[in-house]
Protein backbone atom coordinates (compact mmCIF):
# COMPACT_ATOMS: atom_id res chain seq x y z
CA MET A 1 -20.98 109.32 -43.87
CA LYS A 2 -23.99 108.18 -45.88
CA ILE A 3 -23.17 106.03 -48.89
CA ALA A 4 -25.46 104.74 -51.63
CA MET A 5 -24.11 101.64 -53.39
CA ILE A 6 -25.83 101.04 -56.72
CA GLY A 7 -25.56 97.40 -57.67
CA THR A 8 -25.38 94.38 -55.36
CA GLY A 9 -23.28 92.17 -57.55
CA TYR A 10 -19.90 90.94 -56.40
CA VAL A 11 -18.16 94.33 -56.26
CA GLY A 12 -21.13 96.34 -55.01
CA LEU A 13 -22.15 93.97 -52.24
CA VAL A 14 -18.64 93.35 -50.92
CA SER A 15 -17.82 97.07 -51.04
CA GLY A 16 -21.09 98.10 -49.42
CA VAL A 17 -20.75 95.62 -46.59
CA CYS A 18 -17.13 96.59 -45.94
CA PHE A 19 -17.88 100.31 -46.00
CA SER A 20 -20.59 99.72 -43.40
CA ASP A 21 -18.04 97.89 -41.29
CA PHE A 22 -15.92 101.07 -41.45
CA GLY A 23 -18.80 102.76 -39.62
CA HIS A 24 -20.52 104.43 -42.58
CA GLU A 25 -24.27 104.29 -43.18
CA VAL A 26 -24.66 102.27 -46.37
CA VAL A 27 -27.74 101.61 -48.48
CA CYS A 28 -27.28 99.01 -51.21
CA VAL A 29 -29.57 99.38 -54.23
CA ASP A 30 -30.60 96.80 -56.81
CA LYS A 31 -33.38 96.67 -59.40
CA ASN A 32 -33.79 92.92 -58.92
CA PRO A 33 -36.52 92.53 -56.27
CA THR A 34 -35.68 88.88 -55.70
CA LYS A 35 -32.10 89.79 -54.81
CA ILE A 36 -33.23 92.54 -52.43
CA GLU A 37 -35.64 90.13 -50.74
CA MET A 38 -32.81 87.62 -50.30
CA LEU A 39 -30.52 90.25 -48.79
CA GLU A 40 -33.23 91.49 -46.43
CA ARG A 41 -33.64 87.89 -45.22
CA GLY A 42 -29.91 87.78 -44.56
CA GLU A 43 -29.14 85.54 -47.52
CA VAL A 44 -26.04 86.31 -49.60
CA PRO A 45 -26.63 85.75 -53.35
CA ILE A 46 -22.93 85.11 -54.02
CA TYR A 47 -20.39 82.83 -52.36
CA GLU A 48 -17.61 84.78 -50.68
CA PRO A 49 -16.04 83.43 -47.47
CA GLY A 50 -16.97 85.54 -44.43
CA LEU A 51 -19.34 87.88 -46.25
CA ASP A 52 -22.51 86.48 -44.66
CA ALA A 53 -21.29 87.04 -41.10
CA LEU A 54 -19.99 90.54 -41.85
CA MET A 55 -23.26 91.48 -43.51
CA GLU A 56 -25.32 90.15 -40.62
CA ARG A 57 -23.25 92.11 -38.11
CA ASN A 58 -23.64 95.44 -39.86
CA VAL A 59 -27.34 94.99 -40.58
CA ALA A 60 -27.84 94.29 -36.88
CA ALA A 61 -25.86 97.44 -36.04
CA GLY A 62 -28.18 99.50 -38.23
CA ARG A 63 -25.43 100.62 -40.61
CA LEU A 64 -26.40 98.49 -43.61
CA SER A 65 -29.70 98.21 -45.47
CA PHE A 66 -31.03 97.18 -48.88
CA THR A 67 -33.60 98.69 -51.18
CA GLY A 68 -34.92 98.69 -54.72
CA ASN A 69 -35.63 102.42 -54.52
CA LEU A 70 -32.64 104.32 -55.88
CA ALA A 71 -34.12 107.75 -55.16
CA SER A 72 -34.49 107.07 -51.45
CA ALA A 73 -30.94 105.72 -51.24
CA VAL A 74 -29.45 108.72 -53.06
CA ASP A 75 -31.40 111.27 -51.04
CA GLY A 76 -28.92 112.88 -48.66
CA ALA A 77 -26.04 110.59 -49.61
CA ASP A 78 -22.52 112.01 -49.38
CA ALA A 79 -21.19 109.53 -51.94
CA ILE A 80 -23.00 107.50 -54.58
CA PHE A 81 -21.05 104.51 -55.85
CA ILE A 82 -21.95 103.01 -59.22
CA ALA A 83 -21.03 99.32 -59.06
CA VAL A 84 -23.05 97.81 -61.89
CA GLY A 85 -21.84 95.28 -64.43
CA THR A 86 -19.69 96.19 -67.43
CA PRO A 87 -19.67 92.91 -69.39
CA THR A 88 -17.88 92.52 -72.69
CA ARG A 89 -20.07 93.83 -75.46
CA ARG A 90 -20.89 91.34 -78.16
CA GLY A 91 -19.21 91.93 -81.48
CA ASP A 92 -16.48 94.41 -80.65
CA GLY A 93 -14.90 93.35 -77.34
CA HIS A 94 -15.56 96.70 -75.68
CA ALA A 95 -17.01 97.05 -72.19
CA ASP A 96 -20.79 97.47 -72.23
CA LEU A 97 -21.39 100.74 -70.39
CA SER A 98 -25.17 100.83 -70.77
CA TYR A 99 -25.75 99.93 -67.11
CA VAL A 100 -23.31 102.59 -65.91
CA PHE A 101 -24.90 105.31 -68.02
CA ALA A 102 -28.43 104.25 -67.05
CA ALA A 103 -27.43 104.45 -63.38
CA ALA A 104 -25.94 107.92 -63.95
CA GLU A 105 -29.20 109.10 -65.53
CA GLU A 106 -31.21 107.84 -62.60
CA VAL A 107 -28.80 109.28 -60.04
CA ALA A 108 -29.08 112.68 -61.72
CA GLN A 109 -32.84 112.69 -61.25
CA SER A 110 -32.49 111.80 -57.57
CA LEU A 111 -29.72 114.16 -56.43
CA THR A 112 -30.74 116.53 -53.65
CA ASP A 113 -27.55 117.95 -52.14
CA TYR A 114 -23.88 117.90 -53.08
CA ALA A 115 -22.51 114.39 -53.55
CA VAL A 116 -19.56 112.65 -55.16
CA ILE A 117 -20.63 110.18 -57.83
CA VAL A 118 -18.04 107.42 -57.74
CA THR A 119 -17.53 104.87 -60.47
CA LYS A 120 -16.59 101.57 -58.83
CA SER A 121 -17.28 99.52 -61.94
CA THR A 122 -14.36 98.78 -64.25
CA VAL A 123 -14.74 101.24 -67.12
CA PRO A 124 -12.69 102.44 -70.11
CA VAL A 125 -10.79 105.71 -70.05
CA GLY A 126 -13.14 108.65 -70.44
CA THR A 127 -16.16 107.02 -68.83
CA ASN A 128 -16.17 109.16 -65.70
CA ARG A 129 -16.21 112.33 -67.79
CA LYS A 130 -19.12 110.89 -69.75
CA VAL A 131 -20.93 110.19 -66.47
CA ALA A 132 -20.42 113.83 -65.51
CA GLU A 133 -21.81 114.95 -68.85
CA ILE A 134 -24.89 112.78 -68.42
CA VAL A 135 -25.59 114.15 -64.96
CA ARG A 136 -25.02 117.76 -66.03
CA ALA A 137 -27.28 117.36 -69.05
CA ALA A 138 -30.07 115.90 -66.94
CA ARG A 139 -29.66 118.29 -64.00
CA PRO A 140 -27.70 121.44 -64.92
CA GLU A 141 -28.29 122.88 -61.47
CA ALA A 142 -27.04 119.82 -59.55
CA GLU A 143 -23.97 120.19 -57.36
CA PHE A 144 -21.68 117.17 -57.62
CA ASP A 145 -18.24 115.83 -58.45
CA VAL A 146 -17.26 112.59 -60.07
CA ALA A 147 -14.54 110.21 -58.91
CA SER A 148 -12.99 107.01 -60.19
CA ASN A 149 -12.36 104.35 -57.55
CA PRO A 150 -11.56 101.04 -59.26
CA GLU A 151 -11.75 97.84 -57.25
CA PHE A 152 -8.94 95.30 -56.84
CA LEU A 153 -10.80 92.46 -55.12
CA ARG A 154 -9.83 88.83 -55.57
CA GLU A 155 -12.79 86.51 -55.45
CA GLY A 156 -12.39 84.21 -52.47
CA ALA A 157 -10.30 86.80 -50.60
CA ALA A 158 -12.33 89.95 -51.24
CA ILE A 159 -12.94 91.01 -47.64
CA ASP A 160 -9.27 90.82 -46.75
CA ASP A 161 -8.41 92.68 -49.96
CA PHE A 162 -10.84 95.46 -49.06
CA MET A 163 -9.77 95.74 -45.43
CA ARG A 164 -6.02 95.30 -46.08
CA PRO A 165 -5.46 96.55 -49.62
CA ASP A 166 -2.15 96.85 -51.44
CA ARG A 167 -3.43 100.31 -52.38
CA VAL A 168 -6.60 102.32 -52.90
CA VAL A 169 -6.78 104.26 -56.15
CA VAL A 170 -8.90 107.42 -56.24
CA GLY A 171 -9.23 109.61 -59.31
CA VAL A 172 -10.63 113.07 -58.54
CA GLU A 173 -10.67 116.57 -60.00
CA THR A 174 -11.46 118.79 -57.02
CA GLU A 175 -10.14 119.18 -53.51
CA ARG A 176 -13.68 118.82 -52.16
CA ALA A 177 -14.05 115.42 -53.76
CA ARG A 178 -10.60 114.37 -52.57
CA GLU A 179 -11.43 115.30 -48.98
CA LEU A 180 -14.72 113.43 -49.07
CA MET A 181 -13.12 110.30 -50.53
CA GLY A 182 -10.35 110.60 -47.96
CA GLU A 183 -12.96 110.61 -45.20
CA ILE A 184 -14.62 107.50 -46.60
CA TYR A 185 -11.29 105.65 -46.60
CA ARG A 186 -10.07 107.21 -43.36
CA PRO A 187 -9.93 103.85 -41.50
CA LEU A 188 -7.43 102.58 -44.07
CA PHE A 189 -5.43 105.83 -44.07
CA LEU A 190 -5.09 105.65 -40.28
CA ARG A 191 -3.66 102.15 -40.65
CA GLU A 192 -1.19 103.46 -43.26
CA PHE A 193 -2.49 101.59 -46.29
CA PRO A 194 -1.47 103.53 -49.43
CA ILE A 195 -4.11 105.76 -50.99
CA VAL A 196 -3.10 106.89 -54.46
CA TYR A 197 -4.83 110.06 -55.70
CA THR A 198 -4.73 110.63 -59.45
CA ASP A 199 -6.68 112.28 -62.23
CA LEU A 200 -9.73 110.46 -63.59
CA GLU A 201 -8.05 109.01 -66.67
CA SER A 202 -5.08 107.60 -64.76
CA ALA A 203 -7.35 105.87 -62.24
CA GLU A 204 -9.33 104.28 -65.06
CA MET A 205 -6.15 103.14 -66.79
CA ILE A 206 -4.54 101.72 -63.63
CA LYS A 207 -7.26 99.07 -63.31
CA TYR A 208 -6.91 97.83 -66.88
CA ALA A 209 -3.12 97.98 -66.89
CA ALA A 210 -2.87 96.05 -63.61
CA ASN A 211 -5.19 93.26 -64.72
CA ALA A 212 -3.60 92.99 -68.15
CA PHE A 213 -0.16 92.67 -66.54
CA LEU A 214 -1.34 89.91 -64.19
CA ALA A 215 -3.02 88.09 -67.07
CA THR A 216 0.27 88.39 -68.95
CA LYS A 217 2.18 86.74 -66.08
CA ILE A 218 -0.26 83.83 -66.06
CA THR A 219 -0.10 83.41 -69.82
CA PHE A 220 3.68 83.69 -69.89
CA ILE A 221 4.13 80.91 -67.35
CA ASN A 222 1.64 78.72 -69.22
CA GLU A 223 3.67 79.10 -72.41
CA ILE A 224 6.85 78.29 -70.51
CA ALA A 225 5.06 75.25 -69.06
CA ALA A 226 4.36 73.94 -72.56
CA LEU A 227 8.03 74.32 -73.39
CA CYS A 228 9.03 72.60 -70.15
CA GLU A 229 7.01 69.56 -71.18
CA ARG A 230 8.98 69.30 -74.42
CA VAL A 231 12.46 69.82 -72.98
CA GLY A 232 12.04 67.86 -69.76
CA ALA A 233 12.07 70.75 -67.30
CA ASP A 234 9.74 71.08 -64.28
CA ILE A 235 7.59 74.22 -64.31
CA LYS A 236 7.32 74.23 -60.52
CA SER A 237 11.09 74.56 -60.21
CA VAL A 238 11.19 77.11 -62.99
CA SER A 239 8.43 79.19 -61.38
CA LYS A 240 10.14 79.06 -58.00
CA GLY A 241 13.47 80.09 -59.47
CA MET A 242 11.84 82.98 -61.32
CA GLY A 243 9.63 84.10 -58.45
CA LEU A 244 12.49 84.46 -55.99
CA ASP A 245 13.70 87.36 -58.11
CA GLY A 246 12.29 90.41 -56.34
CA ARG A 247 11.76 92.16 -59.65
CA ILE A 248 9.39 89.36 -60.74
CA GLY A 249 7.74 88.00 -57.60
CA ASN A 250 6.13 84.60 -57.14
CA LYS A 251 2.46 85.53 -57.54
CA PHE A 252 0.57 84.55 -60.71
CA LEU A 253 3.33 82.17 -61.79
CA HIS A 254 1.33 78.96 -61.32
CA ALA A 255 0.86 77.00 -64.52
CA GLY A 256 -2.63 75.74 -65.27
CA PRO A 257 -5.43 75.57 -67.83
CA GLY A 258 -5.59 79.33 -68.48
CA TYR A 259 -7.10 82.31 -66.73
CA GLY A 260 -10.82 83.00 -66.43
CA GLY A 261 -13.17 84.83 -64.11
CA SER A 262 -15.03 88.11 -64.06
CA CYS A 263 -12.05 90.44 -64.60
CA PHE A 264 -9.10 89.23 -66.65
CA PRO A 265 -10.97 88.11 -69.81
CA LYS A 266 -13.16 91.19 -70.13
CA ASP A 267 -10.51 93.67 -68.98
CA THR A 268 -7.85 92.43 -71.40
CA SER A 269 -10.42 92.49 -74.19
CA ALA A 270 -11.48 96.04 -73.27
CA LEU A 271 -7.87 97.27 -73.05
CA ALA A 272 -7.13 95.82 -76.47
CA ARG A 273 -10.19 97.60 -77.83
CA ILE A 274 -9.21 100.92 -76.22
CA GLY A 275 -5.79 100.64 -77.86
CA GLN A 276 -7.34 99.98 -81.26
CA GLU A 277 -9.70 102.95 -80.93
CA HIS A 278 -6.80 105.28 -80.12
CA SER A 279 -4.49 103.82 -82.80
CA VAL A 280 -2.10 102.49 -80.17
CA PRO A 281 -2.46 98.71 -80.53
CA GLN A 282 -1.81 96.82 -77.31
CA GLU A 283 0.01 94.02 -79.03
CA ILE A 284 1.18 92.25 -75.88
CA THR A 285 -2.35 92.19 -74.47
CA GLU A 286 -3.78 91.01 -77.78
CA THR A 287 -1.28 88.17 -77.81
CA VAL A 288 -2.12 87.27 -74.22
CA ILE A 289 -5.80 86.92 -75.16
CA ARG A 290 -4.97 84.69 -78.11
CA VAL A 291 -2.49 82.53 -76.21
CA ASN A 292 -4.85 82.06 -73.27
CA GLU A 293 -7.41 80.52 -75.62
CA SER A 294 -4.75 78.23 -77.07
CA VAL A 295 -3.82 77.10 -73.55
CA LYS A 296 -7.37 75.83 -73.02
CA ARG A 297 -7.26 73.96 -76.33
CA ARG A 298 -3.92 72.44 -75.35
CA MET A 299 -5.54 71.09 -72.18
CA ILE A 300 -8.22 69.39 -74.29
CA GLU A 301 -5.51 67.74 -76.39
CA LYS A 302 -3.77 66.61 -73.22
CA LEU A 303 -6.96 64.99 -71.95
CA CYS A 304 -7.64 63.35 -75.29
CA ASP A 305 -4.19 61.76 -75.25
CA LEU A 306 -4.80 60.58 -71.69
CA CYS A 307 -8.00 58.89 -72.82
CA GLY A 308 -6.24 57.03 -75.62
CA GLY A 309 -7.06 59.42 -78.43
CA SER A 310 -10.82 59.62 -78.01
CA PHE A 311 -13.35 60.70 -75.40
CA ASN A 312 -16.10 58.54 -76.88
CA GLY A 313 -17.53 56.15 -74.29
CA ARG A 314 -15.10 57.24 -71.58
CA ILE A 315 -16.23 58.11 -68.06
CA VAL A 316 -14.37 61.23 -66.98
CA THR A 317 -14.51 62.66 -63.44
CA VAL A 318 -13.84 66.39 -63.28
CA LEU A 319 -12.90 67.95 -59.96
CA GLY A 320 -13.71 71.67 -59.90
CA VAL A 321 -15.38 73.83 -62.54
CA THR A 322 -15.38 77.33 -61.01
CA PHE A 323 -12.64 79.54 -62.43
CA LYS A 324 -10.79 79.44 -59.10
CA PRO A 325 -11.35 78.00 -55.61
CA ASN A 326 -13.39 79.74 -52.89
CA THR A 327 -15.92 81.19 -55.31
CA ASP A 328 -19.05 80.07 -57.12
CA ASP A 329 -18.15 82.20 -60.15
CA MET A 330 -18.15 80.37 -63.47
CA ARG A 331 -17.53 83.36 -65.71
CA GLU A 332 -15.00 82.55 -68.44
CA SER A 333 -13.83 79.52 -66.47
CA PRO A 334 -11.58 77.13 -68.42
CA SER A 335 -14.15 74.47 -67.59
CA LEU A 336 -16.60 76.15 -69.98
CA THR A 337 -14.24 75.24 -72.83
CA ILE A 338 -12.86 71.95 -71.57
CA VAL A 339 -15.96 70.19 -70.21
CA PRO A 340 -18.12 70.80 -73.33
CA ALA A 341 -15.27 69.33 -75.41
CA LEU A 342 -15.41 66.18 -73.27
CA VAL A 343 -19.19 65.94 -73.57
CA GLY A 344 -19.11 66.75 -77.28
CA GLY A 345 -16.53 64.03 -77.79
CA GLY A 346 -18.83 61.41 -76.33
CA ALA A 347 -17.57 61.23 -72.75
CA LYS A 348 -19.82 60.68 -69.78
CA VAL A 349 -18.73 63.47 -67.45
CA ARG A 350 -19.15 63.50 -63.69
CA VAL A 351 -18.50 66.83 -61.96
CA VAL A 352 -17.64 67.53 -58.33
CA ASP A 353 -17.41 71.15 -57.15
CA PRO A 354 -18.14 72.52 -53.65
CA GLN A 355 -19.85 75.67 -54.98
CA GLY A 356 -20.09 75.39 -58.75
CA ARG A 357 -23.35 73.55 -59.21
CA ARG A 358 -25.69 76.54 -58.77
CA GLU A 359 -24.32 78.30 -61.84
CA GLY A 360 -22.85 75.24 -63.51
CA GLU A 361 -26.05 73.29 -64.08
CA ALA A 362 -27.19 75.80 -66.69
CA LEU A 363 -23.74 76.38 -68.17
CA LEU A 364 -22.61 72.76 -68.44
CA PRO A 365 -25.49 70.70 -69.84
CA GLY A 366 -25.03 66.98 -70.22
CA VAL A 367 -22.91 66.35 -67.11
CA ASP A 368 -23.75 64.48 -63.93
CA TRP A 369 -23.26 66.41 -60.68
CA VAL A 370 -21.94 64.30 -57.81
CA GLU A 371 -21.33 65.46 -54.24
CA ASP A 372 -18.61 62.99 -53.28
CA VAL A 373 -15.23 62.62 -55.02
CA TYR A 374 -14.95 58.92 -54.26
CA GLU A 375 -18.41 58.16 -55.56
CA ALA A 376 -17.69 60.15 -58.72
CA SER A 377 -14.45 58.23 -59.29
CA GLU A 378 -15.93 54.72 -59.17
CA GLY A 379 -15.58 53.06 -62.57
CA ALA A 380 -14.14 56.20 -64.18
CA ASP A 381 -11.61 56.05 -66.98
CA ALA A 382 -9.93 59.35 -66.11
CA LEU A 383 -9.77 61.84 -63.25
CA VAL A 384 -9.23 65.53 -64.04
CA ILE A 385 -8.31 68.16 -61.44
CA LEU A 386 -9.47 71.40 -63.00
CA THR A 387 -9.89 73.73 -59.97
CA GLU A 388 -7.61 73.44 -56.93
CA TRP A 389 -10.17 73.51 -54.12
CA ASN A 390 -8.65 72.61 -50.75
CA GLU A 391 -10.98 69.61 -50.65
CA PHE A 392 -9.01 68.15 -53.56
CA ARG A 393 -5.53 68.64 -52.07
CA ALA A 394 -5.53 65.73 -49.63
CA LEU A 395 -7.47 63.00 -51.39
CA ASP A 396 -6.98 59.29 -50.72
CA LEU A 397 -5.42 58.66 -54.11
CA GLU A 398 -4.98 54.97 -53.46
CA ARG A 399 -8.69 54.58 -52.79
CA ILE A 400 -9.56 56.54 -55.93
CA ALA A 401 -7.14 54.63 -58.16
CA GLY A 402 -8.42 51.32 -56.84
CA SER A 403 -12.02 52.17 -57.70
CA MET A 404 -11.43 53.45 -61.24
CA ALA A 405 -11.85 51.36 -64.37
CA THR A 406 -8.51 52.70 -65.57
CA ALA A 407 -6.45 54.72 -63.11
CA ARG A 408 -5.46 57.78 -65.12
CA MET A 409 -5.13 61.33 -63.78
CA ALA A 410 -4.78 64.72 -65.44
CA ASP A 411 -3.66 67.14 -62.75
CA LEU A 412 -4.14 70.48 -64.50
CA ARG A 413 -3.28 72.45 -61.33
CA ASN A 414 -0.16 70.49 -60.33
CA VAL A 415 -1.65 69.64 -56.94
CA TYR A 416 0.09 66.28 -56.72
CA SER A 417 3.21 64.76 -58.24
CA ALA A 418 3.98 61.83 -60.49
CA ALA A 419 5.52 60.05 -57.48
CA ASP A 420 2.32 60.56 -55.44
CA ALA A 421 0.19 59.20 -58.26
CA GLU A 422 2.45 56.22 -59.01
CA ALA A 423 2.63 55.25 -55.35
CA ALA A 424 -1.16 55.33 -55.16
CA GLY A 425 -1.53 53.00 -58.12
CA PHE A 426 -2.27 55.36 -61.00
CA GLU A 427 -1.02 53.88 -64.24
CA THR A 428 -0.84 57.28 -65.94
CA TYR A 429 -0.37 60.76 -64.51
CA VAL A 430 -0.07 63.95 -66.52
CA ALA A 431 0.36 67.49 -65.21
CA VAL A 432 1.10 70.93 -66.67
CA GLY A 433 4.70 71.81 -67.44
CA ARG A 434 6.23 68.63 -66.09
């Protein structure tokens, strides 16, 4: 089948490359000529493990191409996926749908034959019907259906998530659209991965509800972690004991400095806004948003205590600033709250991150970027583990402690233990929920 993928951001590029690996003919479209030039040279503008090799293979096979010309990509396409950004709109917390609607307008002008217009972007309930209205208004004679196909990709594991999904959600209104979408996902159906067909509104809601629930699990365990610190319990033991309950599960029960990234912050905010607009307040989600911000502030207080009550004049080494490991994504990362507080308090901050510098240099002014952990630790007053990259899981703690001015560690991802730190010579070790 011929697929046009509008948008070569994280979702669009990963989806387009993976669809081409299914055997479909995929043309990825983007208005940014610099990005298209990069892709045509074989350069991947985002960091996602394995994506470069998969892209190279399918380009070489003639199944994958890139263009800035939307009309040529849409011409003759069986399915047109809209995978543009839906960032949080300033002022009201709602998803900004201007890019989605602009893409729909342009698609309408370029339609030639029947096609299914598929919204891959995360959008509020009712958006797909609005897309249909836009297309019909622009081209009353056009033959098309709309479908909602939300993504559930974890950054750092996106290819595996696409190829081996927990489920694929497809919202459709006609049998013709259902059959076409079924053909697109046929490789997954043959391998018995669940494909859930729903109406448009349910598909839109599933995405928001799923992400809000996961954000709630993270926020819940972070609140429990704060209580554990006061009562002398160990959050790792508590999380393990909870997670072994099959009704709860062990995923997203790892205490830390709060959630961030491209999905949870904007999707919880959008869901809360949808609830307000329909007079059904999503009080749990609203509380999750508020508590997640307080978690970040609590981390700053923890670091201030570690530094003796003030950051002024301290040298602080921060390990990891992306919102999670195996990505270069800085969006809504806890580091964007915590690191500026260190700098603003007068600390000299050294940052080490395997992939974060490209975005981080503009987002974190006033810090020094260092490639080597041991170099960054020399003469430091405090070491902070903020993102649990694998590179930070097997450090020579004794070497680090011996080179620091004062051997103090804030392990905000619970990578090590107090016993590990004490044996290595750290005079102070603080973690989350312990």
